[in-house]
Amino acid sequence: MADCIFCKIAKGEIPARMIYEDDEIIAFHDAAPQAPVHFLVIPKKHIPNLMSVEPGDIALMGRLLNKARELAEQLGCAEKGARFVINCKSDGGQTVDHLHIHVLGGRPLGWPPG
């Protein structure tokens, strides 16, 4: 999608502090981190939100979740854990209309998140 900030990051048009990239997925540090570890994992394919996932995207979704876990472990969250968040649409707090997983860790995280 032409005006999507995450699509532009995936295409290299906007810089980001990259953590990982392959043919289908990228991961990068959040620009406004809310925890010592805070990064996003996104599909390069533009999928607006979790409600828009189609049957053909199921394998990609599994890869996204697995990569989020692997990267959380690599960034120091293996022992104490992390929070994995997918906000969906406006009531769910989604502010960028491109499916993404927030991974936060490195400190205790309260509930509810506030």
C-alpha atoms as a PDB file:
ATOM      1  CA  MET A   1       0.000   0.000   0.000  1.00  0.00           C
ATOM      2  CA  ALA A   2       1.553   3.288  -1.132  1.00  0.00           C
ATOM      3  CA  ASP A   3       0.974   5.406   1.977  1.00  0.00           C
ATOM      4  CA  CYS A   4       1.592   2.717   4.640  1.00  0.00           C
ATOM      5  CA  ILE A   5       4.584   3.565   6.844  1.00  0.00           C
ATOM      6  CA  PHE A   6       5.326  -0.106   7.542  1.00  0.00           C
ATOM      7  CA  CYS A   7       5.229  -0.963   3.819  1.00  0.00           C
ATOM      8  CA  LYS A   8       7.710   1.873   3.269  1.00  0.00           C
ATOM      9  CA  ILE A   9       9.967   0.502   6.024  1.00  0.00           C
ATOM     10  CA  ALA A  10       9.723  -2.987   4.474  1.00  0.00           C
ATOM     11  CA  LYS A  11      10.771  -1.559   1.088  1.00  0.00           C
ATOM     12  CA  GLY A  12      13.685   0.361   2.624  1.00  0.00           C
ATOM     13  CA  GLU A  13      12.121   3.738   1.796  1.00  0.00           C
ATOM     14  CA  ILE A  14      12.049   4.784   5.460  1.00  0.00           C
ATOM     15  CA  PRO A  15      14.949   3.892   7.757  1.00  0.00           C
ATOM     16  CA  ALA A  16      14.418   1.723  10.815  1.00  0.00           C
ATOM     17  CA  ARG A  17      16.701   0.038  13.320  1.00  0.00           C
ATOM     18  CA  MET A  18      16.402  -3.407  11.783  1.00  0.00           C
ATOM     19  CA  ILE A  19      16.751  -6.593  13.794  1.00  0.00           C
ATOM     20  CA  TYR A  20      15.793  -9.194  11.199  1.00  0.00           C
ATOM     21  CA  GLU A  21      14.741  -9.518   7.570  1.00  0.00           C
ATOM     22  CA  ASP A  22      13.879 -12.328   5.186  1.00  0.00           C
ATOM     23  CA  ASP A  23      11.670 -12.607   2.095  1.00  0.00           C
ATOM     24  CA  GLU A  24       8.409 -12.359   4.067  1.00  0.00           C
ATOM     25  CA  ILE A  25       9.145 -10.772   7.463  1.00  0.00           C
ATOM     26  CA  ILE A  26      10.985  -7.852   8.973  1.00  0.00           C
ATOM     27  CA  ALA A  27      11.593  -6.928  12.600  1.00  0.00           C
ATOM     28  CA  PHE A  28      12.776  -3.574  13.873  1.00  0.00           C
ATOM     29  CA  HIS A  29      13.085  -1.627  17.108  1.00  0.00           C
ATOM     30  CA  ASP A  30      10.087   0.520  18.060  1.00  0.00           C
ATOM     31  CA  ALA A  31      10.705   4.239  17.471  1.00  0.00           C
ATOM     32  CA  ALA A  32       9.145   5.085  20.863  1.00  0.00           C
ATOM     33  CA  PRO A  33      10.025   2.115  23.091  1.00  0.00           C
ATOM     34  CA  GLN A  34       7.864   1.398  26.118  1.00  0.00           C
ATOM     35  CA  ALA A  35      10.268  -1.147  27.643  1.00  0.00           C
ATOM     36  CA  PRO A  36      14.004  -1.911  27.488  1.00  0.00           C
ATOM     37  CA  VAL A  37      13.172  -4.462  24.784  1.00  0.00           C
ATOM     38  CA  HIS A  38      10.487  -3.219  22.382  1.00  0.00           C
ATOM     39  CA  PHE A  39      10.419  -4.246  18.764  1.00  0.00           C
ATOM     40  CA  LEU A  40       7.897  -4.950  16.019  1.00  0.00           C
ATOM     41  CA  VAL A  41       7.596  -7.973  13.763  1.00  0.00           C
ATOM     42  CA  ILE A  42       5.630  -7.417  10.548  1.00  0.00           C
ATOM     43  CA  PRO A  43       4.862  -9.240   7.339  1.00  0.00           C
ATOM     44  CA  LYS A  44       6.231  -7.556   4.217  1.00  0.00           C
ATOM     45  CA  LYS A  45       2.860  -8.317   2.640  1.00  0.00           C
ATOM     46  CA  HIS A  46       0.364  -5.593   3.471  1.00  0.00           C
ATOM     47  CA  ILE A  47      -2.266  -7.143   5.723  1.00  0.00           C
ATOM     48  CA  PRO A  48      -4.267  -4.335   7.383  1.00  0.00           C
ATOM     49  CA  ASN A  49      -5.022  -6.124  10.669  1.00  0.00           C
ATOM     50  CA  LEU A  50      -5.620  -9.492  12.289  1.00  0.00           C
ATOM     51  CA  MET A  51      -9.258  -9.489  11.135  1.00  0.00           C
ATOM     52  CA  SER A  52      -7.976  -9.315   7.529  1.00  0.00           C
ATOM     53  CA  VAL A  53      -5.862 -12.485   7.673  1.00  0.00           C
ATOM     54  CA  GLU A  54      -6.935 -14.873   4.932  1.00  0.00           C
ATOM     55  CA  PRO A  55      -6.580 -18.676   4.849  1.00  0.00           C
ATOM     56  CA  GLY A  56      -3.520 -18.332   2.593  1.00  0.00           C
ATOM     57  CA  ASP A  57      -1.804 -16.228   5.282  1.00  0.00           C
ATOM     58  CA  ILE A  58      -1.945 -18.854   8.041  1.00  0.00           C
ATOM     59  CA  ALA A  59       1.579 -20.186   7.499  1.00  0.00           C
ATOM     60  CA  LEU A  60       2.909 -16.626   7.430  1.00  0.00           C
ATOM     61  CA  MET A  61       1.174 -15.895  10.741  1.00  0.00           C
ATOM     62  CA  GLY A  62       2.854 -18.910  12.302  1.00  0.00           C
ATOM     63  CA  ARG A  63       6.226 -17.731  11.015  1.00  0.00           C
ATOM     64  CA  LEU A  64       5.588 -14.214  12.423  1.00  0.00           C
ATOM     65  CA  LEU A  65       4.816 -15.562  15.889  1.00  0.00           C
ATOM     66  CA  ASN A  66       7.751 -17.950  15.863  1.00  0.00           C
ATOM     67  CA  LYS A  67      10.159 -15.229  14.707  1.00  0.00           C
ATOM     68  CA  ALA A  68       8.842 -12.891  17.427  1.00  0.00           C
ATOM     69  CA  ARG A  69       9.599 -15.584  20.025  1.00  0.00           C
ATOM     70  CA  GLU A  70      13.066 -16.309  18.611  1.00  0.00           C
ATOM     71  CA  LEU A  71      14.018 -12.635  18.561  1.00  0.00           C
ATOM     72  CA  ALA A  72      12.678 -12.065  22.084  1.00  0.00           C
ATOM     73  CA  GLU A  73      14.912 -14.878  23.284  1.00  0.00           C
ATOM     74  CA  GLN A  74      17.921 -13.461  21.405  1.00  0.00           C
ATOM     75  CA  LEU A  75      17.326 -10.013  22.905  1.00  0.00           C
ATOM     76  CA  GLY A  76      17.405 -11.286  26.486  1.00  0.00           C
ATOM     77  CA  CYS A  77      13.813 -12.215  27.310  1.00  0.00           C
ATOM     78  CA  ALA A  78      14.222 -16.019  27.449  1.00  0.00           C
ATOM     79  CA  GLU A  79      14.443 -16.297  31.229  1.00  0.00           C
ATOM     80  CA  LYS A  80      11.815 -13.810  32.431  1.00  0.00           C
ATOM     81  CA  GLY A  81       9.547 -13.617  29.373  1.00  0.00           C
ATOM     82  CA  ALA A  82       7.973 -10.878  27.306  1.00  0.00           C
ATOM     83  CA  ARG A  83       4.629  -9.511  26.204  1.00  0.00           C
ATOM     84  CA  PHE A  84       3.490 -10.207  22.623  1.00  0.00           C
ATOM     85  CA  VAL A  85       0.746  -7.801  21.494  1.00  0.00           C
ATOM     86  CA  ILE A  86      -1.337  -7.565  18.337  1.00  0.00           C
ATOM     87  CA  ASN A  87      -3.605  -4.516  18.464  1.00  0.00           C
ATOM     88  CA  CYS A  88      -6.516  -4.758  16.030  1.00  0.00           C
ATOM     89  CA  LYS A  89      -8.460  -1.819  14.592  1.00  0.00           C
ATOM     90  CA  SER A  90      -9.327   1.391  16.436  1.00  0.00           C
ATOM     91  CA  ASP A  91     -11.003  -0.115  19.520  1.00  0.00           C
ATOM     92  CA  GLY A  92      -8.052  -2.461  19.915  1.00  0.00           C
ATOM     93  CA  GLY A  93      -5.568   0.420  19.888  1.00  0.00           C
ATOM     94  CA  GLN A  94      -4.113  -0.165  16.413  1.00  0.00           C
ATOM     95  CA  THR A  95      -2.546   3.059  15.106  1.00  0.00           C
ATOM     96  CA  VAL A  96      -0.828   1.761  11.940  1.00  0.00           C
ATOM     97  CA  ASP A  97      -3.067  -0.188   9.573  1.00  0.00           C
ATOM     98  CA  HIS A  98      -0.533  -2.916   8.836  1.00  0.00           C
ATOM     99  CA  LEU A  99      -0.547  -6.090  10.912  1.00  0.00           C
ATOM    100  CA  HIS A 100       2.275  -6.039  13.444  1.00  0.00           C
ATOM    101  CA  ILE A 101       3.327  -7.775  16.636  1.00  0.00           C
ATOM    102  CA  HIS A 102       4.766  -5.639  19.424  1.00  0.00           C
ATOM    103  CA  VAL A 103       7.256  -7.513  21.603  1.00  0.00           C
ATOM    104  CA  LEU A 104       8.026  -5.881  24.950  1.00  0.00           C
ATOM    105  CA  GLY A 105      10.323  -7.157  27.674  1.00  0.00           C
ATOM    106  CA  GLY A 106      13.239  -6.429  29.927  1.00  0.00           C
ATOM    107  CA  ARG A 107      11.070  -5.226  32.831  1.00  0.00           C
ATOM    108  CA  PRO A 108       7.919  -6.338  34.672  1.00  0.00           C
ATOM    109  CA  LEU A 109       4.810  -5.329  32.750  1.00  0.00           C
ATOM    110  CA  GLY A 110       1.598  -4.657  34.670  1.00  0.00           C
ATOM    111  CA  TRP A 111      -1.946  -5.690  33.799  1.00  0.00           C
ATOM    112  CA  PRO A 112      -4.148  -4.187  32.636  1.00  0.00           C
ATOM    113  CA  PRO A 113      -1.734  -2.293  30.401  1.00  0.00           C
ATOM    114  CA  GLY A 114      -3.447   1.068  31.001  1.00  0.00           C
END
